[in-house]
Amino acid sequence: MLVSGQQSEQSTEEKASPTSQVRERVSPVTVLLHRSSQRGELNLA
């Protein structure tokens, strides 16, 4: 839910600031890492 909200804000900030583009590249990566971490915990459990 937080990711979807950030994406909507970034779409507008994108045109204004280039830093938003960096966040866009990081946001999906952090999501993948978060999912992988959850899977790792499930595998350990």
PDB file of N, CA and C in Angstrom:
ATOM      1  N   MET A   1       0.855  -1.206   0.000  1.00  0.00           N
ATOM      2  CA  MET A   1       0.000   0.000   0.000  1.00  0.00           C
ATOM      3  C   MET A   1       0.889   1.254   0.000  1.00  0.00           C
ATOM      4  N   LEU A   2       1.943   1.240   0.821  1.00  0.00           N
ATOM      5  CA  LEU A   2       2.841   2.393   0.870  1.00  0.00           C
ATOM      6  C   LEU A   2       3.536   2.576  -0.472  1.00  0.00           C
ATOM      7  N   VAL A   3       3.883   1.467  -1.099  1.00  0.00           N
ATOM      8  CA  VAL A   3       4.596   1.558  -2.380  1.00  0.00           C
ATOM      9  C   VAL A   3       3.710   2.226  -3.424  1.00  0.00           C
ATOM     10  N   SER A   4       2.433   1.838  -3.476  1.00  0.00           N
ATOM     11  CA  SER A   4       1.523   2.409  -4.476  1.00  0.00           C
ATOM     12  C   SER A   4       1.375   3.915  -4.234  1.00  0.00           C
ATOM     13  N   GLY A   5       1.300   4.318  -2.976  1.00  0.00           N
ATOM     14  CA  GLY A   5       1.167   5.741  -2.666  1.00  0.00           C
ATOM     15  C   GLY A   5       2.410   6.502  -3.091  1.00  0.00           C
ATOM     16  N   GLN A   6       3.585   5.930  -2.851  1.00  0.00           N
ATOM     17  CA  GLN A   6       4.828   6.601  -3.240  1.00  0.00           C
ATOM     18  C   GLN A   6       4.900   6.742  -4.757  1.00  0.00           C
ATOM     19  N   GLN A   7       4.485   5.713  -5.474  1.00  0.00           N
ATOM     20  CA  GLN A   7       4.555   5.766  -6.935  1.00  0.00           C
ATOM     21  C   GLN A   7       3.697   6.912  -7.462  1.00  0.00           C
ATOM     22  N   SER A   8       2.504   7.090  -6.919  1.00  0.00           N
ATOM     23  CA  SER A   8       1.612   8.153  -7.400  1.00  0.00           C
ATOM     24  C   SER A   8       2.251   9.513  -7.154  1.00  0.00           C
ATOM     25  N   GLU A   9       2.913   9.680  -5.998  1.00  0.00           N
ATOM     26  CA  GLU A   9       3.555  10.958  -5.701  1.00  0.00           C
ATOM     27  C   GLU A   9       4.762  11.169  -6.598  1.00  0.00           C
ATOM     28  N   GLN A  10       5.508  10.093  -6.854  1.00  0.00           N
ATOM     29  CA  GLN A  10       6.709  10.196  -7.673  1.00  0.00           C
ATOM     30  C   GLN A  10       6.355  10.594  -9.100  1.00  0.00           C
ATOM     31  N   SER A  11       5.229  10.108  -9.609  1.00  0.00           N
ATOM     32  CA  SER A  11       4.840  10.421 -10.990  1.00  0.00           C
ATOM     33  C   SER A  11       4.796  11.937 -11.193  1.00  0.00           C
ATOM     34  N   THR A  12       4.360  12.667 -10.178  1.00  0.00           N
ATOM     35  CA  THR A  12       4.292  14.127 -10.299  1.00  0.00           C
ATOM     36  C   THR A  12       5.656  14.747  -9.982  1.00  0.00           C
ATOM     37  N   GLU A  13       6.353  14.233  -8.990  1.00  0.00           N
ATOM     38  CA  GLU A  13       7.653  14.792  -8.606  1.00  0.00           C
ATOM     39  C   GLU A  13       8.691  14.520  -9.686  1.00  0.00           C
ATOM     40  N   GLU A  14       8.479  13.468 -10.452  1.00  0.00           N
ATOM     41  CA  GLU A  14       9.419  13.092 -11.502  1.00  0.00           C
ATOM     42  C   GLU A  14       9.767  14.289 -12.387  1.00  0.00           C
ATOM     43  N   LYS A  15       8.753  15.014 -12.810  1.00  0.00           N
ATOM     44  CA  LYS A  15       8.981  16.138 -13.717  1.00  0.00           C
ATOM     45  C   LYS A  15       9.716  17.268 -12.998  1.00  0.00           C
ATOM     46  N   ALA A  16       9.497  17.380 -11.695  1.00  0.00           N
ATOM     47  CA  ALA A  16      10.093  18.498 -10.958  1.00  0.00           C
ATOM     48  C   ALA A  16      11.521  18.176 -10.511  1.00  0.00           C
ATOM     49  N   SER A  17      11.714  17.031  -9.884  1.00  0.00           N
ATOM     50  CA  SER A  17      13.044  16.730  -9.339  1.00  0.00           C
ATOM     51  C   SER A  17      13.557  15.383  -9.848  1.00  0.00           C
ATOM     52  N   PRO A  18      14.847  15.316 -10.187  1.00  0.00           N
ATOM     53  CA  PRO A  18      15.435  14.057 -10.672  1.00  0.00           C
ATOM     54  C   PRO A  18      15.618  13.049  -9.546  1.00  0.00           C
ATOM     55  N   THR A  19      15.590  13.513  -8.302  1.00  0.00           N
ATOM     56  CA  THR A  19      15.781  12.602  -7.174  1.00  0.00           C
ATOM     57  C   THR A  19      14.655  11.574  -7.124  1.00  0.00           C
ATOM     58  N   SER A  20      13.473  11.960  -7.613  1.00  0.00           N
ATOM     59  CA  SER A  20      12.339  11.035  -7.621  1.00  0.00           C
ATOM     60  C   SER A  20      12.666   9.818  -8.485  1.00  0.00           C
ATOM     61  N   GLN A  21      13.409  10.057  -9.569  1.00  0.00           N
ATOM     62  CA  GLN A  21      13.757   8.946 -10.454  1.00  0.00           C
ATOM     63  C   GLN A  21      14.610   7.934  -9.695  1.00  0.00           C
ATOM     64  N   VAL A  22      15.509   8.432  -8.861  1.00  0.00           N
ATOM     65  CA  VAL A  22      16.355   7.533  -8.069  1.00  0.00           C
ATOM     66  C   VAL A  22      15.479   6.728  -7.119  1.00  0.00           C
ATOM     67  N   ARG A  23      14.489   7.384  -6.521  1.00  0.00           N
ATOM     68  CA  ARG A  23      13.599   6.682  -5.590  1.00  0.00           C
ATOM     69  C   ARG A  23      12.820   5.600  -6.324  1.00  0.00           C
ATOM     70  N   GLU A  24      12.441   5.887  -7.554  1.00  0.00           N
ATOM     71  CA  GLU A  24      11.679   4.893  -8.313  1.00  0.00           C
ATOM     72  C   GLU A  24      12.517   3.643  -8.518  1.00  0.00           C
ATOM     73  N   ARG A  25      13.797   3.826  -8.771  1.00  0.00           N
ATOM     74  CA  ARG A  25      14.669   2.666  -8.980  1.00  0.00           C
ATOM     75  C   ARG A  25      14.883   1.929  -7.667  1.00  0.00           C
ATOM     76  N   VAL A  26      14.910   2.668  -6.585  1.00  0.00           N
ATOM     77  CA  VAL A  26      15.155   2.047  -5.272  1.00  0.00           C
ATOM     78  C   VAL A  26      13.883   1.389  -4.737  1.00  0.00           C
ATOM     79  N   SER A  27      12.731   2.024  -4.933  1.00  0.00           N
ATOM     80  CA  SER A  27      11.484   1.505  -4.354  1.00  0.00           C
ATOM     81  C   SER A  27      11.214   0.062  -4.779  1.00  0.00           C
ATOM     82  N   PRO A  28      11.285  -0.279  -6.069  1.00  0.00           N
ATOM     83  CA  PRO A  28      11.029  -1.666  -6.467  1.00  0.00           C
ATOM     84  C   PRO A  28      12.090  -2.614  -5.926  1.00  0.00           C
ATOM     85  N   VAL A  29      13.310  -2.125  -5.824  1.00  0.00           N
ATOM     86  CA  VAL A  29      14.394  -2.982  -5.302  1.00  0.00           C
ATOM     87  C   VAL A  29      14.141  -3.294  -3.835  1.00  0.00           C
ATOM     88  N   THR A  30      13.750  -2.283  -3.069  1.00  0.00           N
ATOM     89  CA  THR A  30      13.496  -2.504  -1.652  1.00  0.00           C
ATOM     90  C   THR A  30      12.330  -3.470  -1.468  1.00  0.00           C
ATOM     91  N   VAL A  31      11.353  -3.379  -2.364  1.00  0.00           N
ATOM     92  CA  VAL A  31      10.197  -4.281  -2.287  1.00  0.00           C
ATOM     93  C   VAL A  31      10.647  -5.720  -2.528  1.00  0.00           C
ATOM     94  N   LEU A  32      11.498  -5.901  -3.538  1.00  0.00           N
ATOM     95  CA  LEU A  32      11.986  -7.251  -3.850  1.00  0.00           C
ATOM     96  C   LEU A  32      12.800  -7.778  -2.671  1.00  0.00           C
ATOM     97  N   LEU A  33      13.630  -6.928  -2.103  1.00  0.00           N
ATOM     98  CA  LEU A  33      14.455  -7.363  -0.970  1.00  0.00           C
ATOM     99  C   LEU A  33      13.546  -7.711   0.210  1.00  0.00           C
ATOM    100  N   HIS A  34      12.492  -6.918   0.402  1.00  0.00           N
ATOM    101  CA  HIS A  34      11.576  -7.170   1.514  1.00  0.00           C
ATOM    102  C   HIS A  34      10.880  -8.514   1.311  1.00  0.00           C
ATOM    103  N   ARG A  35      10.457  -8.784   0.071  1.00  0.00           N
ATOM    104  CA  ARG A  35       9.783 -10.049  -0.217  1.00  0.00           C
ATOM    105  C   ARG A  35      10.747 -11.208  -0.011  1.00  0.00           C
ATOM    106  N   SER A  36      11.982 -11.053  -0.503  1.00  0.00           N
ATOM    107  CA  SER A  36      12.968 -12.127  -0.386  1.00  0.00           C
ATOM    108  C   SER A  36      13.247 -12.397   1.094  1.00  0.00           C
ATOM    109  N   SER A  37      13.301 -11.332   1.891  1.00  0.00           N
ATOM    110  CA  SER A  37      13.563 -11.506   3.321  1.00  0.00           C
ATOM    111  C   SER A  37      12.417 -12.286   3.964  1.00  0.00           C
ATOM    112  N   GLN A  38      11.182 -11.967   3.560  1.00  0.00           N
ATOM    113  CA  GLN A  38      10.038 -12.685   4.113  1.00  0.00           C
ATOM    114  C   GLN A  38      10.101 -14.157   3.711  1.00  0.00           C
ATOM    115  N   ARG A  39      10.440 -14.416   2.455  1.00  0.00           N
ATOM    116  CA  ARG A  39      10.527 -15.798   1.987  1.00  0.00           C
ATOM    117  C   ARG A  39      11.615 -16.532   2.757  1.00  0.00           C
ATOM    118  N   GLY A  40      12.723 -15.847   3.015  1.00  0.00           N
ATOM    119  CA  GLY A  40      13.822 -16.456   3.757  1.00  0.00           C
ATOM    120  C   GLY A  40      13.358 -16.865   5.152  1.00  0.00           C
ATOM    121  N   GLU A  41      12.600 -15.984   5.778  1.00  0.00           N
ATOM    122  CA  GLU A  41      12.103 -16.286   7.119  1.00  0.00           C
ATOM    123  C   GLU A  41      11.154 -17.474   7.064  1.00  0.00           C
ATOM    124  N   LEU A  42      10.327 -17.524   6.029  1.00  0.00           N
ATOM    125  CA  LEU A  42       9.380 -18.633   5.904  1.00  0.00           C
ATOM    126  C   LEU A  42      10.142 -19.936   5.690  1.00  0.00           C
ATOM    127  N   ASN A  43      11.202 -19.862   4.861  1.00  0.00           N
ATOM    128  CA  ASN A  43      11.977 -21.065   4.587  1.00  0.00           C
ATOM    129  C   ASN A  43      12.645 -21.554   5.872  1.00  0.00           C
ATOM    130  N   LEU A  44      13.178 -20.614   6.667  1.00  0.00           N
ATOM    131  CA  LEU A  44      13.843 -20.998   7.907  1.00  0.00           C
ATOM    132  C   LEU A  44      12.809 -21.587   8.860  1.00  0.00           C
ATOM    133  N   ALA A  45      11.606 -20.993   8.862  1.00  0.00           N
ATOM    134  CA  ALA A  45      10.564 -21.462   9.777  1.00  0.00           C
ATOM    135  C   ALA A  45      10.050 -22.805   9.268  1.00  0.00           C
TER     136      ALA A  45
END
